[in-house]
N, C-alpha and C. Protein backbone atom coordinates (compact mmCIF):
# COMPACT_ATOMS: atom_id res chain seq x y z
N MET A 1 12.72 0.07 -4.13
CA MET A 1 12.20 0.24 -1.94
C MET A 1 11.29 -1.53 -1.92
N GLN A 2 10.72 -1.67 -2.82
CA GLN A 2 9.76 -3.15 -2.95
C GLN A 2 10.98 -4.45 -2.36
N THR A 3 12.24 -4.03 -2.50
CA THR A 3 12.86 -5.23 -2.24
C THR A 3 13.28 -5.32 -0.71
N GLN A 4 12.80 -4.04 0.09
CA GLN A 4 13.29 -4.04 1.89
C GLN A 4 11.79 -4.34 2.23
N PHE A 5 10.50 -4.77 1.41
CA PHE A 5 9.19 -4.77 2.01
C PHE A 5 8.84 -6.24 1.38
N GLN A 6 8.39 -7.04 2.25
CA GLN A 6 7.88 -8.59 1.67
C GLN A 6 5.94 -8.32 1.77
N LEU A 7 5.26 -8.59 0.87
CA LEU A 7 3.74 -8.65 0.99
C LEU A 7 3.51 -9.95 1.46
N LYS A 8 2.80 -10.04 2.83
CA LYS A 8 2.74 -11.01 3.30
C LYS A 8 1.28 -10.92 4.59
N GLN A 9 0.26 -12.15 3.59
CA GLN A 9 -0.93 -12.05 4.50
C GLN A 9 -1.76 -10.80 4.01
N GLN A 10 -1.68 -9.56 3.14
CA GLN A 10 -1.55 -8.46 2.47
C GLN A 10 -1.49 -7.46 3.19
N ARG A 11 -0.18 -7.40 3.62
CA ARG A 11 0.39 -6.39 4.58
C ARG A 11 2.22 -6.24 4.12
N TRP A 12 2.37 -5.21 4.08
CA TRP A 12 3.91 -4.83 3.39
C TRP A 12 4.86 -4.57 4.68
N LEU A 13 5.40 -5.97 4.73
CA LEU A 13 6.48 -5.99 6.16
C LEU A 13 7.63 -5.83 5.65
N LEU A 14 8.29 -5.15 6.31
CA LEU A 14 9.58 -4.72 6.30
C LEU A 14 10.81 -5.70 6.10
N THR A 15 11.80 -5.79 5.83
CA THR A 15 12.69 -7.04 5.73
C THR A 15 13.71 -7.25 6.66
N ILE A 16 14.00 -6.28 7.04
CA ILE A 16 14.85 -5.94 8.01
C ILE A 16 14.83 -6.22 9.61
N VAL A 17 15.92 -6.35 10.33
CA VAL A 17 15.46 -6.49 11.46
C VAL A 17 14.97 -5.04 12.18
N ALA A 18 14.03 -4.91 13.32
CA ALA A 18 13.34 -3.55 13.63
C ALA A 18 14.71 -2.79 14.70
N GLU A 19 15.64 -3.56 15.01
CA GLU A 19 16.87 -3.10 15.76
C GLU A 19 17.98 -2.53 14.30
N ASP A 20 17.70 -2.57 13.53
CA ASP A 20 18.55 -2.16 12.23
C ASP A 20 18.41 -0.93 11.86
N TYR A 21 18.82 0.03 12.71
CA TYR A 21 18.61 1.54 12.56
C TYR A 21 18.98 2.19 11.25
N ARG A 22 20.54 1.48 11.50
CA ARG A 22 21.35 1.96 10.16
C ARG A 22 20.31 1.49 8.36
N ALA A 23 19.77 0.34 8.23
CA ALA A 23 19.57 0.22 7.48
C ALA A 23 17.84 0.84 7.41
N SER A 24 17.30 1.13 8.57
CA SER A 24 15.77 1.53 8.66
C SER A 24 16.02 3.08 8.33
N ARG A 25 17.12 3.46 8.17
CA ARG A 25 17.36 5.36 7.75
C ARG A 25 18.10 5.34 6.44
N SER A 26 18.35 4.54 6.04
CA SER A 26 18.57 4.11 4.39
C SER A 26 17.08 3.98 3.86
N ILE A 27 16.17 3.32 4.07
CA ILE A 27 15.60 2.97 3.56
C ILE A 27 14.45 4.12 3.23
N ALA A 28 14.08 4.64 4.47
CA ALA A 28 13.45 5.68 4.91
C ALA A 28 14.21 6.90 3.54
N ALA A 29 15.20 7.12 3.66
CA ALA A 29 15.90 8.50 3.08
C ALA A 29 15.62 8.12 1.69
N ASN A 30 15.19 7.11 0.72
CA ASN A 30 14.61 7.25 -0.12
C ASN A 30 12.91 6.94 -0.60
N CYS A 31 12.34 6.98 0.33
CA CYS A 31 10.67 7.00 0.50
C CYS A 31 10.19 7.94 0.04
N PRO A 32 9.30 8.13 -0.75
CA PRO A 32 8.07 9.06 -0.67
C PRO A 32 7.44 9.66 0.22
N HIS A 33 6.74 8.34 0.61
CA HIS A 33 5.97 8.32 1.71
C HIS A 33 6.19 8.74 2.96
N PHE A 34 7.51 8.89 3.35
CA PHE A 34 7.91 8.75 4.88
C PHE A 34 7.30 10.64 5.39
N VAL A 35 6.59 9.84 6.67
CA VAL A 35 6.46 11.09 7.30
C VAL A 35 6.75 10.97 9.16
N GLY A 36 7.14 12.15 9.41
CA GLY A 36 7.60 11.86 10.70
C GLY A 36 6.26 11.49 11.99
N ASP A 37 6.34 10.39 12.58
CA ASP A 37 5.43 10.06 13.82
C ASP A 37 5.64 11.00 14.98
N ASP A 38 4.36 11.22 15.64
CA ASP A 38 5.19 11.97 16.94
C ASP A 38 6.64 11.82 17.63
N GLU A 39 7.30 12.90 18.17
CA GLU A 39 8.08 12.54 18.87
C GLU A 39 8.25 11.41 19.77
N ASP A 40 7.22 11.60 20.84
CA ASP A 40 7.08 10.78 21.79
C ASP A 40 6.72 8.86 21.13
N GLU A 41 6.45 8.78 19.59
CA GLU A 41 6.57 7.32 19.28
C GLU A 41 7.85 7.00 18.55
N GLN A 42 8.51 8.19 18.32
CA GLN A 42 10.01 7.93 17.62
C GLN A 42 11.10 6.93 18.53
N VAL A 43 11.66 6.28 17.51
CA VAL A 43 12.80 5.11 18.38
C VAL A 43 14.10 5.42 18.32
N ASP A 44 14.21 5.82 17.05
CA ASP A 44 15.52 6.07 16.75
C ASP A 44 15.94 7.46 16.79
N ASP A 45 17.03 7.72 17.43
CA ASP A 45 17.89 9.00 17.09
C ASP A 45 17.64 9.92 16.32
N VAL A 46 17.85 9.54 14.89
CA VAL A 46 17.69 10.25 13.81
C VAL A 46 16.21 10.08 12.86
N THR A 47 15.42 10.88 12.83
CA THR A 47 14.02 11.37 12.51
C THR A 47 13.60 10.48 11.24
N ARG A 48 14.27 10.97 10.21
CA ARG A 48 14.34 10.16 8.70
C ARG A 48 14.39 8.73 9.00
N SER A 49 13.64 7.83 9.89
CA SER A 49 14.06 6.26 9.65
C SER A 49 12.64 5.38 9.79
N CYS A 50 12.66 4.68 8.93
CA CYS A 50 11.50 3.51 8.96
C CYS A 50 10.68 3.70 10.42
N VAL A 51 11.42 3.58 11.34
CA VAL A 51 10.94 3.18 12.63
C VAL A 51 10.39 4.52 13.13
N ASN A 52 10.26 5.46 12.62
CA ASN A 52 9.84 6.41 13.28
C ASN A 52 8.59 7.45 12.25
N CYS A 53 8.37 6.49 11.15
CA CYS A 53 7.30 6.90 10.23
C CYS A 53 5.53 6.84 10.68
N ALA A 54 5.78 7.69 10.53
CA ALA A 54 4.23 7.65 11.16
C ALA A 54 3.35 6.86 10.23
N TYR A 55 3.66 5.90 9.32
CA TYR A 55 3.14 4.72 7.98
C TYR A 55 3.00 3.84 8.86
N ARG A 56 4.18 3.43 10.19
CA ARG A 56 4.76 2.20 10.38
C ARG A 56 3.85 1.29 11.62
N ARG A 57 3.26 0.34 11.41
CA ARG A 57 2.82 -0.39 12.51
C ARG A 57 3.73 -1.31 13.14
N TRP A 58 3.79 -1.51 14.51
CA TRP A 58 4.58 -2.39 14.78
C TRP A 58 3.61 -3.80 15.56
N LEU A 59 4.07 -4.75 14.52
CA LEU A 59 3.31 -6.43 14.91
C LEU A 59 4.34 -6.99 15.16
N THR A 60 3.79 -8.21 15.89
CA THR A 60 4.50 -9.54 16.87
C THR A 60 5.78 -9.91 15.95
N ASP A 61 5.01 -9.81 14.58
CA ASP A 61 6.16 -10.58 13.91
C ASP A 61 6.89 -9.41 12.92
N GLY A 62 6.74 -8.08 12.90
CA GLY A 62 7.41 -7.21 12.11
C GLY A 62 6.64 -6.19 12.24
N ILE A 63 7.70 -5.03 11.13
CA ILE A 63 7.15 -3.76 11.11
C ILE A 63 6.22 -3.79 9.81
N GLU A 64 5.38 -2.98 9.69
CA GLU A 64 4.36 -2.77 8.64
C GLU A 64 4.36 -1.56 8.36
N CYS A 65 4.62 -1.14 6.94
CA CYS A 65 4.25 -0.01 5.91
C CYS A 65 2.96 0.41 5.61
N THR A 66 2.09 0.80 6.05
CA THR A 66 1.02 0.88 5.79
C THR A 66 0.87 1.80 4.27
N ALA A 67 1.36 2.82 4.31
CA ALA A 67 1.63 3.67 3.15
C ALA A 67 1.55 2.75 2.08
N LEU A 68 2.41 1.49 1.45
CA LEU A 68 2.33 0.63 0.69
C LEU A 68 1.06 0.10 0.44
N ALA A 69 0.38 -0.25 1.26
CA ALA A 69 -0.89 -0.57 1.13
C ALA A 69 -1.73 0.36 0.04
N THR A 70 -1.70 1.81 0.08
CA THR A 70 -2.54 2.35 -0.57
C THR A 70 -2.05 2.51 -2.25
């Protein structure tokens, strides 16, 4: 799973483009940390997707996974 993330300035950043929902779903399908965010915060139609995770944080240069920081 860590191949889909890159540690950059002490943040685990998703290495895919945010609009690549298929890749985001694939990563989330195998993620033991996934927790669905509030419905009004979700952007993908499929719930189990990194972009819909409560642990994701939108950054100007990508998406951070705060679950991996612990």
